Amino acid sequence: MAKNLIPSDLQLEITQIKSAIGGKQNQRDTLRSLGLKRIGHTVVRTADAVTVGMLNTVPHLVKVEEAK
């Protein structure tokens, strides 16, 4: 579900699954802006346009699920 998300009112559970070390600076900044600090860290965010844009920047570093 991480690829090509669209904005909606859903709550998304975002988990970092890979390290940002060696990645581009904008990808590291994006993870930090999402509130992710380390591998295995999970945050819950609304699927608004800003969040979806950030997730589409780093789909290979995060796992996205619908929050329960």
PDB file of N, CA and C in Angstrom:
ATOM      1  N   MET A   1       0.816  -1.204   0.000  1.00  0.00           N
ATOM      2  CA  MET A   1       0.000   0.000   0.000  1.00  0.00           C
ATOM      3  C   MET A   1       0.856   1.263   0.000  1.00  0.00           C
ATOM      4  N   ALA A   2       2.150   1.139   0.166  1.00  0.00           N
ATOM      5  CA  ALA A   2       3.011   2.307   0.314  1.00  0.00           C
ATOM      6  C   ALA A   2       3.172   3.092  -0.987  1.00  0.00           C
ATOM      7  N   LYS A   3       2.993   2.457  -2.126  1.00  0.00           N
ATOM      8  CA  LYS A   3       3.232   3.142  -3.384  1.00  0.00           C
ATOM      9  C   LYS A   3       1.951   3.799  -3.886  1.00  0.00           C
ATOM     10  N   ASN A   4       2.073   5.021  -4.391  1.00  0.00           N
ATOM     11  CA  ASN A   4       0.971   5.754  -5.015  1.00  0.00           C
ATOM     12  C   ASN A   4      -0.250   5.898  -4.119  1.00  0.00           C
ATOM     13  N   LEU A   5      -0.026   6.381  -2.913  1.00  0.00           N
ATOM     14  CA  LEU A   5      -1.134   6.663  -2.003  1.00  0.00           C
ATOM     15  C   LEU A   5      -1.889   7.892  -2.493  1.00  0.00           C
ATOM     16  N   ILE A   6      -3.154   7.990  -2.129  1.00  0.00           N
ATOM     17  CA  ILE A   6      -3.923   9.180  -2.453  1.00  0.00           C
ATOM     18  C   ILE A   6      -4.449   9.797  -1.161  1.00  0.00           C
ATOM     19  N   PRO A   7      -4.561  11.118  -1.118  1.00  0.00           N
ATOM     20  CA  PRO A   7      -5.047  11.782   0.102  1.00  0.00           C
ATOM     21  C   PRO A   7      -6.478  11.370   0.429  1.00  0.00           C
ATOM     22  N   SER A   8      -6.739  11.180   1.727  1.00  0.00           N
ATOM     23  CA  SER A   8      -8.072  10.833   2.197  1.00  0.00           C
ATOM     24  C   SER A   8      -8.147  11.144   3.687  1.00  0.00           C
ATOM     25  N   ASP A   9      -9.210  10.699   4.337  1.00  0.00           N
ATOM     26  CA  ASP A   9      -9.370  10.936   5.773  1.00  0.00           C
ATOM     27  C   ASP A   9      -8.889   9.753   6.616  1.00  0.00           C
ATOM     28  N   LEU A  10      -8.246   8.779   5.967  1.00  0.00           N
ATOM     29  CA  LEU A  10      -7.773   7.605   6.690  1.00  0.00           C
ATOM     30  C   LEU A  10      -6.646   7.955   7.659  1.00  0.00           C
ATOM     31  N   GLN A  11      -6.557   7.188   8.739  1.00  0.00           N
ATOM     32  CA  GLN A  11      -5.410   7.278   9.636  1.00  0.00           C
ATOM     33  C   GLN A  11      -4.416   6.219   9.161  1.00  0.00           C
ATOM     34  N   LEU A  12      -3.169   6.623   8.947  1.00  0.00           N
ATOM     35  CA  LEU A  12      -2.142   5.697   8.482  1.00  0.00           C
ATOM     36  C   LEU A  12      -1.152   5.407   9.593  1.00  0.00           C
ATOM     37  N   GLU A  13      -0.782   4.142   9.716  1.00  0.00           N
ATOM     38  CA  GLU A  13       0.257   3.725  10.647  1.00  0.00           C
ATOM     39  C   GLU A  13       1.527   3.559   9.812  1.00  0.00           C
ATOM     40  N   ILE A  14       2.534   4.398  10.088  1.00  0.00           N
ATOM     41  CA  ILE A  14       3.745   4.437   9.274  1.00  0.00           C
ATOM     42  C   ILE A  14       4.904   3.914  10.118  1.00  0.00           C
ATOM     43  N   THR A  15       5.587   2.887   9.627  1.00  0.00           N
ATOM     44  CA  THR A  15       6.706   2.276  10.339  1.00  0.00           C
ATOM     45  C   THR A  15       7.948   2.345   9.469  1.00  0.00           C
ATOM     46  N   GLN A  16       9.058   2.810  10.053  1.00  0.00           N
ATOM     47  CA  GLN A  16      10.321   2.818   9.321  1.00  0.00           C
ATOM     48  C   GLN A  16      10.886   1.412   9.322  1.00  0.00           C
ATOM     49  N   ILE A  17      11.212   0.887   8.119  1.00  0.00           N
ATOM     50  CA  ILE A  17      11.705  -0.487   8.026  1.00  0.00           C
ATOM     51  C   ILE A  17      13.148  -0.551   7.523  1.00  0.00           C
ATOM     52  N   LYS A  18      13.672   0.559   7.030  1.00  0.00           N
ATOM     53  CA  LYS A  18      15.046   0.580   6.540  1.00  0.00           C
ATOM     54  C   LYS A  18      15.729   1.850   7.012  1.00  0.00           C
ATOM     55  N   SER A  19      17.049   1.792   7.060  1.00  0.00           N
ATOM     56  CA  SER A  19      17.842   2.923   7.523  1.00  0.00           C
ATOM     57  C   SER A  19      17.944   3.993   6.439  1.00  0.00           C
ATOM     58  N   ALA A  20      18.071   5.244   6.889  1.00  0.00           N
ATOM     59  CA  ALA A  20      18.266   6.357   5.963  1.00  0.00           C
ATOM     60  C   ALA A  20      19.747   6.622   5.722  1.00  0.00           C
ATOM     61  N   ILE A  21      20.612   5.889   6.403  1.00  0.00           N
ATOM     62  CA  ILE A  21      22.052   6.075   6.234  1.00  0.00           C
ATOM     63  C   ILE A  21      22.423   5.765   4.796  1.00  0.00           C
ATOM     64  N   GLY A  22      23.170   6.639   4.183  1.00  0.00           N
ATOM     65  CA  GLY A  22      23.576   6.452   2.796  1.00  0.00           C
ATOM     66  C   GLY A  22      22.540   6.929   1.807  1.00  0.00           C
ATOM     67  N   GLY A  23      21.390   7.341   2.296  1.00  0.00           N
ATOM     68  CA  GLY A  23      20.340   7.858   1.425  1.00  0.00           C
ATOM     69  C   GLY A  23      20.538   9.328   1.146  1.00  0.00           C
ATOM     70  N   LYS A  24      19.707   9.863   0.300  1.00  0.00           N
ATOM     71  CA  LYS A  24      19.783  11.283  -0.033  1.00  0.00           C
ATOM     72  C   LYS A  24      19.315  12.123   1.149  1.00  0.00           C
ATOM     73  N   GLN A  25      19.833  13.338   1.234  1.00  0.00           N
ATOM     74  CA  GLN A  25      19.500  14.223   2.350  1.00  0.00           C
ATOM     75  C   GLN A  25      18.000  14.496   2.411  1.00  0.00           C
ATOM     76  N   ASN A  26      17.355  14.665   1.247  1.00  0.00           N
ATOM     77  CA  ASN A  26      15.923  14.957   1.275  1.00  0.00           C
ATOM     78  C   ASN A  26      15.116  13.769   1.817  1.00  0.00           C
ATOM     79  N   GLN A  27      15.605  12.544   1.608  1.00  0.00           N
ATOM     80  CA  GLN A  27      14.917  11.378   2.154  1.00  0.00           C
ATOM     81  C   GLN A  27      15.082  11.318   3.670  1.00  0.00           C
ATOM     82  N   ARG A  28      16.278  11.651   4.162  1.00  0.00           N
ATOM     83  CA  ARG A  28      16.497  11.688   5.610  1.00  0.00           C
ATOM     84  C   ARG A  28      15.614  12.759   6.245  1.00  0.00           C
ATOM     85  N   ASP A  29      15.538  13.922   5.600  1.00  0.00           N
ATOM     86  CA  ASP A  29      14.698  15.011   6.102  1.00  0.00           C
ATOM     87  C   ASP A  29      13.226  14.612   6.101  1.00  0.00           C
ATOM     88  N   THR A  30      12.803  13.873   5.083  1.00  0.00           N
ATOM     89  CA  THR A  30      11.411  13.443   4.987  1.00  0.00           C
ATOM     90  C   THR A  30      11.045  12.495   6.125  1.00  0.00           C
ATOM     91  N   LEU A  31      11.924  11.539   6.413  1.00  0.00           N
ATOM     92  CA  LEU A  31      11.664  10.621   7.524  1.00  0.00           C
ATOM     93  C   LEU A  31      11.540  11.389   8.830  1.00  0.00           C
ATOM     94  N   ARG A  32      12.424  12.359   9.036  1.00  0.00           N
ATOM     95  CA  ARG A  32      12.383  13.152  10.266  1.00  0.00           C
ATOM     96  C   ARG A  32      11.090  13.963  10.335  1.00  0.00           C
ATOM     97  N   SER A  33      10.669  14.517   9.198  1.00  0.00           N
ATOM     98  CA  SER A  33       9.435  15.308   9.165  1.00  0.00           C
ATOM     99  C   SER A  33       8.204  14.456   9.454  1.00  0.00           C
ATOM    100  N   LEU A  34       8.262  13.186   9.074  1.00  0.00           N
ATOM    101  CA  LEU A  34       7.169  12.271   9.385  1.00  0.00           C
ATOM    102  C   LEU A  34       7.156  11.908  10.869  1.00  0.00           C
ATOM    103  N   GLY A  35       8.249  12.183  11.568  1.00  0.00           N
ATOM    104  CA  GLY A  35       8.337  11.880  12.989  1.00  0.00           C
ATOM    105  C   GLY A  35       9.028  10.560  13.269  1.00  0.00           C
ATOM    106  N   LEU A  36       9.654   9.969  12.245  1.00  0.00           N
ATOM    107  CA  LEU A  36      10.334   8.681  12.415  1.00  0.00           C
ATOM    108  C   LEU A  36      11.782   8.913  12.826  1.00  0.00           C
ATOM    109  N   LYS A  37      12.230   8.170  13.844  1.00  0.00           N
ATOM    110  CA  LYS A  37      13.565   8.391  14.379  1.00  0.00           C
ATOM    111  C   LYS A  37      14.492   7.200  14.218  1.00  0.00           C
ATOM    112  N   ARG A  38      13.938   5.999  14.104  1.00  0.00           N
ATOM    113  CA  ARG A  38      14.782   4.812  14.037  1.00  0.00           C
ATOM    114  C   ARG A  38      13.996   3.681  13.367  1.00  0.00           C
ATOM    115  N   ILE A  39      14.711   2.638  12.979  1.00  0.00           N
ATOM    116  CA  ILE A  39      14.064   1.468  12.386  1.00  0.00           C
ATOM    117  C   ILE A  39      13.130   0.849  13.417  1.00  0.00           C
ATOM    118  N   GLY A  40      11.926   0.529  13.006  1.00  0.00           N
ATOM    119  CA  GLY A  40      10.937  -0.058  13.896  1.00  0.00           C
ATOM    120  C   GLY A  40      10.051   0.962  14.579  1.00  0.00           C
ATOM    121  N   HIS A  41      10.374   2.245  14.441  1.00  0.00           N
ATOM    122  CA  HIS A  41       9.573   3.302  15.052  1.00  0.00           C
ATOM    123  C   HIS A  41       8.297   3.495  14.230  1.00  0.00           C
ATOM    124  N   THR A  42       7.162   3.640  14.909  1.00  0.00           N
ATOM    125  CA  THR A  42       5.870   3.777  14.238  1.00  0.00           C
ATOM    126  C   THR A  42       5.183   5.060  14.668  1.00  0.00           C
ATOM    127  N   VAL A  43       4.593   5.759  13.705  1.00  0.00           N
ATOM    128  CA  VAL A  43       3.781   6.940  13.989  1.00  0.00           C
ATOM    129  C   VAL A  43       2.445   6.788  13.288  1.00  0.00           C
ATOM    130  N   VAL A  44       1.434   7.497  13.777  1.00  0.00           N
ATOM    131  CA  VAL A  44       0.107   7.488  13.154  1.00  0.00           C
ATOM    132  C   VAL A  44      -0.149   8.894  12.634  1.00  0.00           C
ATOM    133  N   ARG A  45      -0.439   9.000  11.342  1.00  0.00           N
ATOM    134  CA  ARG A  45      -0.702  10.285  10.718  1.00  0.00           C
ATOM    135  C   ARG A  45      -1.959  10.184   9.850  1.00  0.00           C
ATOM    136  N   THR A  46      -2.627  11.310   9.650  1.00  0.00           N
ATOM    137  CA  THR A  46      -3.768  11.359   8.731  1.00  0.00           C
ATOM    138  C   THR A  46      -3.232  11.384   7.305  1.00  0.00           C
ATOM    139  N   ALA A  47      -3.959  10.758   6.397  1.00  0.00           N
ATOM    140  CA  ALA A  47      -3.507  10.661   5.003  1.00  0.00           C
ATOM    141  C   ALA A  47      -3.846  11.933   4.228  1.00  0.00           C
ATOM    142  N   ASP A  48      -3.377  13.082   4.719  1.00  0.00           N
ATOM    143  CA  ASP A  48      -3.612  14.325   3.982  1.00  0.00           C
ATOM    144  C   ASP A  48      -2.586  14.447   2.848  1.00  0.00           C
ATOM    145  N   ALA A  49      -2.718  15.486   2.050  1.00  0.00           N
ATOM    146  CA  ALA A  49      -1.879  15.630   0.861  1.00  0.00           C
ATOM    147  C   ALA A  49      -0.395  15.732   1.212  1.00  0.00           C
ATOM    148  N   VAL A  50      -0.071  16.421   2.295  1.00  0.00           N
ATOM    149  CA  VAL A  50       1.330  16.594   2.688  1.00  0.00           C
ATOM    150  C   VAL A  50       1.950  15.258   3.079  1.00  0.00           C
ATOM    151  N   THR A  51       1.252  14.503   3.923  1.00  0.00           N
ATOM    152  CA  THR A  51       1.760  13.215   4.380  1.00  0.00           C
ATOM    153  C   THR A  51       1.905  12.235   3.223  1.00  0.00           C
ATOM    154  N   VAL A  52       0.922  12.200   2.343  1.00  0.00           N
ATOM    155  CA  VAL A  52       0.972  11.287   1.195  1.00  0.00           C
ATOM    156  C   VAL A  52       2.150  11.646   0.292  1.00  0.00           C
ATOM    157  N   GLY A  53       2.395  12.923   0.104  1.00  0.00           N
ATOM    158  CA  GLY A  53       3.542  13.351  -0.704  1.00  0.00           C
ATOM    159  C   GLY A  53       4.854  12.893  -0.095  1.00  0.00           C
ATOM    160  N   MET A  54       4.967  13.022   1.233  1.00  0.00           N
ATOM    161  CA  MET A  54       6.191  12.582   1.912  1.00  0.00           C
ATOM    162  C   MET A  54       6.357  11.073   1.797  1.00  0.00           C
ATOM    163  N   LEU A  55       5.266  10.322   1.941  1.00  0.00           N
ATOM    164  CA  LEU A  55       5.350   8.865   1.853  1.00  0.00           C
ATOM    165  C   LEU A  55       5.726   8.405   0.450  1.00  0.00           C
ATOM    166  N   ASN A  56       5.275   9.128  -0.565  1.00  0.00           N
ATOM    167  CA  ASN A  56       5.626   8.764  -1.934  1.00  0.00           C
ATOM    168  C   ASN A  56       7.080   9.102  -2.244  1.00  0.00           C
ATOM    169  N   THR A  57       7.729   9.911  -1.382  1.00  0.00           N
ATOM    170  CA  THR A  57       9.152  10.219  -1.540  1.00  0.00           C
ATOM    171  C   THR A  57      10.021   9.085  -0.996  1.00  0.00           C
ATOM    172  N   VAL A  58       9.562   8.411   0.060  1.00  0.00           N
ATOM    173  CA  VAL A  58      10.378   7.370   0.708  1.00  0.00           C
ATOM    174  C   VAL A  58       9.628   6.031   0.828  1.00  0.00           C
ATOM    175  N   PRO A  59       9.000   5.551  -0.248  1.00  0.00           N
ATOM    176  CA  PRO A  59       8.216   4.315  -0.115  1.00  0.00           C
ATOM    177  C   PRO A  59       9.074   3.090   0.197  1.00  0.00           C
ATOM    178  N   HIS A  60      10.349   3.124  -0.188  1.00  0.00           N
ATOM    179  CA  HIS A  60      11.242   1.985   0.029  1.00  0.00           C
ATOM    180  C   HIS A  60      11.773   1.916   1.462  1.00  0.00           C
ATOM    181  N   LEU A  61      11.550   2.971   2.266  1.00  0.00           N
ATOM    182  CA  LEU A  61      12.068   3.010   3.630  1.00  0.00           C
ATOM    183  C   LEU A  61      10.988   2.794   4.679  1.00  0.00           C
ATOM    184  N   VAL A  62       9.718   2.818   4.275  1.00  0.00           N
ATOM    185  CA  VAL A  62       8.629   2.735   5.241  1.00  0.00           C
ATOM    186  C   VAL A  62       7.613   1.669   4.866  1.00  0.00           C
ATOM    187  N   LYS A  63       6.866   1.217   5.884  1.00  0.00           N
ATOM    188  CA  LYS A  63       5.731   0.315   5.676  1.00  0.00           C
ATOM    189  C   LYS A  63       4.506   1.087   6.125  1.00  0.00           C
ATOM    190  N   VAL A  64       3.480   1.127   5.282  1.00  0.00           N
ATOM    191  CA  VAL A  64       2.285   1.899   5.573  1.00  0.00           C
ATOM    192  C   VAL A  64       1.095   0.957   5.681  1.00  0.00           C
ATOM    193  N   GLU A  65       0.353   1.105   6.775  1.00  0.00           N
ATOM    194  CA  GLU A  65      -0.876   0.316   6.981  1.00  0.00           C
ATOM    195  C   GLU A  65      -1.960   1.247   7.451  1.00  0.00           C
ATOM    196  N   GLU A  66      -3.192   0.831   7.246  1.00  0.00           N
ATOM    197  CA  GLU A  66      -4.323   1.590   7.764  1.00  0.00           C
ATOM    198  C   GLU A  66      -4.398   1.354   9.266  1.00  0.00           C
ATOM    199  N   ALA A  67      -4.465   2.440  10.036  1.00  0.00           N
ATOM    200  CA  ALA A  67      -4.539   2.317  11.496  1.00  0.00           C
ATOM    201  C   ALA A  67      -5.873   1.725  11.895  1.00  0.00           C
ATOM    202  N   LYS A  68      -5.875   0.932  12.937  1.00  0.00           N
ATOM    203  CA  LYS A  68      -7.106   0.287  13.382  1.00  0.00           C
ATOM    204  C   LYS A  68      -7.873   1.185  14.333  1.00  0.00           C
TER     205      LYS A  68
END
